[in-house]
Amino acid sequence: MARPAREESDGTTGPGTGAAVAGTVLEILPRALYRVAVGNGREVVAHAPGGFGRNFVRLLVGDHVTVALSPRDARRGRIVE
């Protein structure tokens, strides 16, 4: 039985992914995690993708970022921009 073809995606949109929201970095946490303030006074814990470290991209407190929220837990996310 053949597998269906997978659609090419950058991982930020599509079925099974959460919404992308704008936010501001509030705190830098251990293990490459960041506390980010998003709309309505909510805070999420987000991680940066591996490319950030390889390309010497550093996030600082106050930086504006875009966070893709996890579809399973709205308090977790991944920084996409």
C-alpha atoms as a PDB file:
ATOM      1  CA  MET A   1       0.000   0.000   0.000  1.00  0.00           C
ATOM      2  CA  ALA A   2       1.525   3.317  -1.094  1.00  0.00           C
ATOM      3  CA  ARG A   3       1.705   6.297   1.196  1.00  0.00           C
ATOM      4  CA  PRO A   4      -0.016   9.494   0.078  1.00  0.00           C
ATOM      5  CA  ALA A   5       2.309  12.245  -1.142  1.00  0.00           C
ATOM      6  CA  ARG A   6       3.268  14.800   1.494  1.00  0.00           C
ATOM      7  CA  GLU A   7       2.686  18.453   0.810  1.00  0.00           C
ATOM      8  CA  GLU A   8       5.720  20.706   0.985  1.00  0.00           C
ATOM      9  CA  SER A   9       5.408  23.131   3.878  1.00  0.00           C
ATOM     10  CA  ASP A  10       7.607  25.373   5.973  1.00  0.00           C
ATOM     11  CA  GLY A  11       5.877  24.076   9.105  1.00  0.00           C
ATOM     12  CA  THR A  12       4.192  27.326  10.059  1.00  0.00           C
ATOM     13  CA  THR A  13       0.753  26.824   8.521  1.00  0.00           C
ATOM     14  CA  GLY A  14      -1.568  24.034   7.565  1.00  0.00           C
ATOM     15  CA  PRO A  15      -3.652  21.423   9.325  1.00  0.00           C
ATOM     16  CA  GLY A  16      -2.530  20.502  12.802  1.00  0.00           C
ATOM     17  CA  THR A  17      -0.735  23.770  13.511  1.00  0.00           C
ATOM     18  CA  GLY A  18      -1.850  26.546  15.807  1.00  0.00           C
ATOM     19  CA  ALA A  19      -2.372  30.193  15.019  1.00  0.00           C
ATOM     20  CA  ALA A  20       0.536  32.566  14.505  1.00  0.00           C
ATOM     21  CA  VAL A  21       0.384  35.638  16.747  1.00  0.00           C
ATOM     22  CA  ALA A  22       2.616  38.652  17.270  1.00  0.00           C
ATOM     23  CA  GLY A  23       4.300  39.152  20.616  1.00  0.00           C
ATOM     24  CA  THR A  24       7.163  40.676  22.575  1.00  0.00           C
ATOM     25  CA  VAL A  25       9.942  38.814  24.398  1.00  0.00           C
ATOM     26  CA  LEU A  26       9.569  39.370  28.152  1.00  0.00           C
ATOM     27  CA  GLU A  27      12.187  37.041  29.605  1.00  0.00           C
ATOM     28  CA  ILE A  28      14.985  34.766  28.450  1.00  0.00           C
ATOM     29  CA  LEU A  29      14.717  31.350  30.111  1.00  0.00           C
ATOM     30  CA  PRO A  30      17.214  28.465  30.285  1.00  0.00           C
ATOM     31  CA  ARG A  31      17.516  25.919  27.451  1.00  0.00           C
ATOM     32  CA  ALA A  32      16.729  28.364  24.621  1.00  0.00           C
ATOM     33  CA  LEU A  33      13.214  29.124  25.884  1.00  0.00           C
ATOM     34  CA  TYR A  34      11.617  32.561  25.927  1.00  0.00           C
ATOM     35  CA  ARG A  35       8.614  33.985  27.772  1.00  0.00           C
ATOM     36  CA  VAL A  36       6.615  35.991  25.216  1.00  0.00           C
ATOM     37  CA  ALA A  37       3.698  38.353  25.819  1.00  0.00           C
ATOM     38  CA  VAL A  38       0.985  37.953  23.192  1.00  0.00           C
ATOM     39  CA  GLY A  39      -2.390  39.685  22.799  1.00  0.00           C
ATOM     40  CA  ASN A  40      -4.901  40.088  25.657  1.00  0.00           C
ATOM     41  CA  GLY A  41      -2.179  40.026  28.328  1.00  0.00           C
ATOM     42  CA  ARG A  42      -1.448  36.313  27.785  1.00  0.00           C
ATOM     43  CA  GLU A  43       2.047  34.901  28.160  1.00  0.00           C
ATOM     44  CA  VAL A  44       3.415  31.847  26.369  1.00  0.00           C
ATOM     45  CA  VAL A  45       6.678  29.936  26.652  1.00  0.00           C
ATOM     46  CA  ALA A  46       8.236  29.622  23.208  1.00  0.00           C
ATOM     47  CA  HIS A  47      11.384  28.084  21.782  1.00  0.00           C
ATOM     48  CA  ALA A  48      13.426  29.301  18.850  1.00  0.00           C
ATOM     49  CA  PRO A  49      14.123  26.961  15.941  1.00  0.00           C
ATOM     50  CA  GLY A  50      17.631  25.524  15.574  1.00  0.00           C
ATOM     51  CA  GLY A  51      18.532  27.854  12.702  1.00  0.00           C
ATOM     52  CA  PHE A  52      18.630  30.797  15.082  1.00  0.00           C
ATOM     53  CA  GLY A  53      21.669  29.379  16.886  1.00  0.00           C
ATOM     54  CA  ARG A  54      23.463  28.313  13.728  1.00  0.00           C
ATOM     55  CA  ASN A  55      23.090  31.767  12.184  1.00  0.00           C
ATOM     56  CA  PHE A  56      24.058  33.682  15.340  1.00  0.00           C
ATOM     57  CA  VAL A  57      20.606  35.220  15.719  1.00  0.00           C
ATOM     58  CA  ARG A  58      20.077  36.406  19.283  1.00  0.00           C
ATOM     59  CA  LEU A  59      16.751  37.365  20.808  1.00  0.00           C
ATOM     60  CA  LEU A  60      16.744  40.040  23.485  1.00  0.00           C
ATOM     61  CA  VAL A  61      14.115  41.237  25.924  1.00  0.00           C
ATOM     62  CA  GLY A  62      11.819  43.644  24.088  1.00  0.00           C
ATOM     63  CA  ASP A  63      12.238  42.080  20.629  1.00  0.00           C
ATOM     64  CA  HIS A  64       9.052  41.753  18.561  1.00  0.00           C
ATOM     65  CA  VAL A  65       8.493  38.184  17.344  1.00  0.00           C
ATOM     66  CA  THR A  66       5.853  36.024  15.685  1.00  0.00           C
ATOM     67  CA  VAL A  67       4.891  32.900  17.632  1.00  0.00           C
ATOM     68  CA  ALA A  68       3.156  29.843  16.172  1.00  0.00           C
ATOM     69  CA  LEU A  69       1.025  28.521  19.030  1.00  0.00           C
ATOM     70  CA  SER A  70       0.851  24.799  19.683  1.00  0.00           C
ATOM     71  CA  PRO A  71      -2.498  23.274  18.718  1.00  0.00           C
ATOM     72  CA  ARG A  72      -2.381  21.060  21.824  1.00  0.00           C
ATOM     73  CA  ASP A  73      -1.327  23.630  24.436  1.00  0.00           C
ATOM     74  CA  ALA A  74      -2.028  27.344  23.917  1.00  0.00           C
ATOM     75  CA  ARG A  75       0.597  28.215  26.554  1.00  0.00           C
ATOM     76  CA  ARG A  76       3.440  26.834  24.383  1.00  0.00           C
ATOM     77  CA  GLY A  77       4.722  27.920  21.003  1.00  0.00           C
ATOM     78  CA  ARG A  78       7.553  28.231  18.530  1.00  0.00           C
ATOM     79  CA  ILE A  79       9.124  31.507  17.404  1.00  0.00           C
ATOM     80  CA  VAL A  80       8.898  31.701  13.620  1.00  0.00           C
ATOM     81  CA  GLU A  81      10.069  35.288  12.954  1.00  0.00           C
END
